[in-house]
Protein backbone atom coordinates (compact mmCIF):
# COMPACT_ATOMS: atom_id res chain seq x y z
CA UNK A 1 -10.29 -6.14 3.35
CA UNK A 2 -9.98 -2.53 2.29
CA UNK A 3 -6.17 -2.50 2.59
CA UNK A 4 -5.80 -5.37 0.14
CA UNK A 5 -8.19 -3.75 -2.34
CA UNK A 6 -6.29 -0.45 -2.27
CA UNK A 7 -2.96 -2.26 -2.62
CA UNK A 8 -4.20 -4.27 -5.61
CA UNK A 9 -5.62 -1.16 -7.30
CA UNK A 10 -2.30 0.68 -6.94
CA UNK A 11 -0.42 -2.32 -8.37
CA UNK A 12 -2.86 -2.79 -11.25
CA UNK A 13 -2.53 0.86 -12.30
CA UNK A 14 1.26 0.54 -12.34
CA UNK A 15 1.91 2.96 -9.48
CA UNK A 16 3.43 0.49 -7.00
CA UNK A 17 5.15 -2.84 -6.59
CA UNK A 18 4.90 -5.28 -3.69
CA UNK A 19 7.88 -5.36 -1.38
CA UNK A 20 6.45 -7.41 1.48
CA UNK A 21 3.12 -8.92 2.51
CA UNK A 22 2.72 -10.39 6.02
CA UNK A 23 -0.30 -11.71 7.88
CA UNK A 24 -0.38 -12.92 11.46
CA UNK A 25 -2.67 -13.97 14.25
CA UNK A 26 0.15 -15.35 16.41
CA UNK A 27 0.66 -13.42 19.62
CA UNK A 28 -2.65 -11.59 19.39
CA UNK A 29 -3.85 -11.15 22.97
CA UNK A 30 -6.91 -9.07 22.14
CA UNK A 31 -9.14 -10.92 19.68
CA UNK A 32 -11.36 -7.83 19.37
CA UNK A 33 -8.61 -6.11 17.38
CA UNK A 34 -8.71 -8.81 14.72
CA UNK A 35 -5.94 -10.11 12.52
CA UNK A 36 -2.84 -8.18 11.54
CA UNK A 37 -1.86 -7.56 7.93
CA UNK A 38 1.19 -5.64 6.79
CA UNK A 39 1.62 -4.64 3.15
CA UNK A 40 4.73 -2.73 2.15
CA UNK A 41 4.61 -1.12 -1.28
CA UNK A 42 7.28 0.65 -3.27
CA UNK A 43 7.03 3.17 -6.08
CA UNK A 44 7.11 1.57 -9.52
CA UNK A 45 9.62 2.65 -12.14
CA UNK A 46 6.92 4.60 -13.98
CA UNK A 47 5.41 6.23 -10.84
CA UNK A 48 7.03 9.63 -11.45
CA UNK A 49 5.79 9.75 -15.04
CA UNK A 50 2.22 8.88 -13.97
CA UNK A 51 1.89 11.18 -10.93
CA UNK A 52 2.68 14.89 -11.29
CA UNK A 53 4.96 16.39 -8.62
CA UNK A 54 3.41 18.50 -5.86
CA UNK A 55 5.08 21.78 -4.86
CA UNK A 56 3.82 23.82 -1.89
CA UNK A 57 0.65 21.73 -1.79
CA UNK A 58 -0.27 22.50 -5.42
CA UNK A 59 0.32 20.59 -8.63
CA UNK A 60 2.11 22.53 -11.37
């Protein structure tokens, strides 16, 4: 799953922390849509020191 890979990469680089991870197939009426996964991430304490701020679409 691409979503899980991206989430794990962001966590491993120290940019995010997990807040909530949910998976569900209950109540799915359309099997063609597949399974649902919800991953909620939050900024880590060191996020602002790792990612430069963006102003007017440009980094300083």
